[in-house]
Amino acid sequence: MMANLLLFIHFRNKTLKKAVSDDEAYSCQTFCHLIIHRLLYS
């Protein structure tokens, strides 16, 4: 479910053609999500 959510967010951001600064923030957000996911399910 988490992977589907990340894919949805990724696709939505691509569709909206966000600015570079927003892409950087999105990358950080995705990284944080992956860390949280590992902490919760490891």
N, C-alpha and C. Protein backbone atom coordinates (compact mmCIF):
# COMPACT_ATOMS: atom_id res chain seq x y z
N MET A 1 0.83 -1.20 0.00
CA MET A 1 0.00 0.00 0.00
C MET A 1 0.87 1.26 0.00
N MET A 2 1.95 1.22 0.78
CA MET A 2 2.85 2.37 0.84
C MET A 2 3.49 2.64 -0.52
N ALA A 3 3.88 1.57 -1.21
CA ALA A 3 4.50 1.73 -2.52
C ALA A 3 3.52 2.36 -3.50
N ASN A 4 2.26 1.94 -3.43
CA ASN A 4 1.25 2.50 -4.32
C ASN A 4 1.05 3.99 -4.05
N LEU A 5 1.10 4.37 -2.77
CA LEU A 5 0.95 5.77 -2.40
C LEU A 5 2.11 6.59 -2.95
N LEU A 6 3.33 6.07 -2.81
CA LEU A 6 4.50 6.79 -3.31
C LEU A 6 4.45 6.92 -4.83
N LEU A 7 4.00 5.86 -5.52
CA LEU A 7 3.87 5.92 -6.96
C LEU A 7 2.84 6.96 -7.37
N PHE A 8 1.74 7.02 -6.64
CA PHE A 8 0.70 8.01 -6.93
C PHE A 8 1.23 9.43 -6.78
N ILE A 9 1.96 9.66 -5.67
CA ILE A 9 2.54 10.98 -5.43
C ILE A 9 3.55 11.32 -6.52
N HIS A 10 4.37 10.34 -6.90
CA HIS A 10 5.38 10.55 -7.93
C HIS A 10 4.71 10.90 -9.25
N PHE A 11 3.68 10.15 -9.63
CA PHE A 11 2.98 10.40 -10.88
C PHE A 11 2.30 11.76 -10.87
N ARG A 12 1.69 12.11 -9.74
CA ARG A 12 1.00 13.39 -9.63
C ARG A 12 1.99 14.54 -9.77
N ASN A 13 3.15 14.42 -9.13
CA ASN A 13 4.16 15.48 -9.21
C ASN A 13 4.69 15.62 -10.63
N LYS A 14 4.88 14.48 -11.32
CA LYS A 14 5.32 14.52 -12.70
C LYS A 14 4.28 15.22 -13.57
N THR A 15 3.01 14.93 -13.30
CA THR A 15 1.94 15.50 -14.09
C THR A 15 1.85 17.01 -13.91
N LEU A 16 2.06 17.46 -12.68
CA LEU A 16 1.97 18.89 -12.39
C LEU A 16 3.22 19.65 -12.81
N LYS A 17 4.29 18.89 -13.16
CA LYS A 17 5.55 19.50 -13.59
C LYS A 17 6.04 20.53 -12.58
N LYS A 18 6.29 20.05 -11.36
CA LYS A 18 6.74 20.94 -10.30
C LYS A 18 8.13 21.51 -10.58
N ALA A 19 8.43 22.60 -9.88
CA ALA A 19 9.72 23.25 -10.03
C ALA A 19 10.83 22.41 -9.41
N VAL A 20 12.08 22.75 -9.69
CA VAL A 20 13.22 21.98 -9.20
C VAL A 20 13.23 21.95 -7.67
N SER A 21 12.96 23.09 -7.06
CA SER A 21 12.98 23.15 -5.60
C SER A 21 11.93 22.21 -5.01
N ASP A 22 10.77 22.13 -5.65
CA ASP A 22 9.71 21.23 -5.18
C ASP A 22 10.12 19.78 -5.40
N ASP A 23 10.84 19.51 -6.48
CA ASP A 23 11.31 18.14 -6.74
C ASP A 23 12.30 17.71 -5.66
N GLU A 24 13.16 18.64 -5.23
CA GLU A 24 14.12 18.34 -4.18
C GLU A 24 13.39 18.04 -2.88
N ALA A 25 12.37 18.83 -2.57
CA ALA A 25 11.59 18.61 -1.36
C ALA A 25 10.87 17.27 -1.45
N TYR A 26 10.37 16.94 -2.64
CA TYR A 26 9.69 15.65 -2.84
C TYR A 26 10.65 14.49 -2.64
N SER A 27 11.87 14.63 -3.14
CA SER A 27 12.86 13.56 -2.98
C SER A 27 13.17 13.34 -1.50
N CYS A 28 13.30 14.42 -0.75
CA CYS A 28 13.56 14.31 0.68
C CYS A 28 12.37 13.67 1.38
N GLN A 29 11.17 14.06 0.97
CA GLN A 29 9.96 13.50 1.58
C GLN A 29 9.88 12.01 1.32
N THR A 30 10.20 11.59 0.09
CA THR A 30 10.16 10.18 -0.26
C THR A 30 11.20 9.41 0.56
N PHE A 31 12.38 9.98 0.70
CA PHE A 31 13.44 9.34 1.48
C PHE A 31 13.00 9.16 2.92
N CYS A 32 12.38 10.20 3.49
CA CYS A 32 11.89 10.12 4.87
C CYS A 32 10.81 9.05 4.99
N HIS A 33 9.94 8.97 3.99
CA HIS A 33 8.89 7.96 4.01
C HIS A 33 9.48 6.55 4.00
N LEU A 34 10.53 6.36 3.20
CA LEU A 34 11.16 5.04 3.12
C LEU A 34 11.81 4.67 4.46
N ILE A 35 12.43 5.65 5.11
CA ILE A 35 13.05 5.40 6.41
C ILE A 35 11.99 5.02 7.44
N ILE A 36 10.90 5.79 7.47
CA ILE A 36 9.82 5.51 8.42
C ILE A 36 9.23 4.14 8.15
N HIS A 37 9.06 3.80 6.87
CA HIS A 37 8.52 2.50 6.49
C HIS A 37 9.42 1.38 7.02
N ARG A 38 10.73 1.54 6.87
CA ARG A 38 11.67 0.53 7.35
C ARG A 38 11.63 0.41 8.87
N LEU A 39 11.54 1.53 9.54
CA LEU A 39 11.50 1.52 11.00
C LEU A 39 10.24 0.83 11.51
N LEU A 40 9.12 1.06 10.83
CA LEU A 40 7.85 0.49 11.28
C LEU A 40 7.74 -1.00 10.98
N TYR A 41 8.32 -1.43 9.85
CA TYR A 41 8.09 -2.81 9.41
C TYR A 41 9.32 -3.70 9.44
N SER A 42 10.39 -3.23 10.09
CA SER A 42 11.60 -4.06 10.15
C SER A 42 11.64 -4.86 11.45
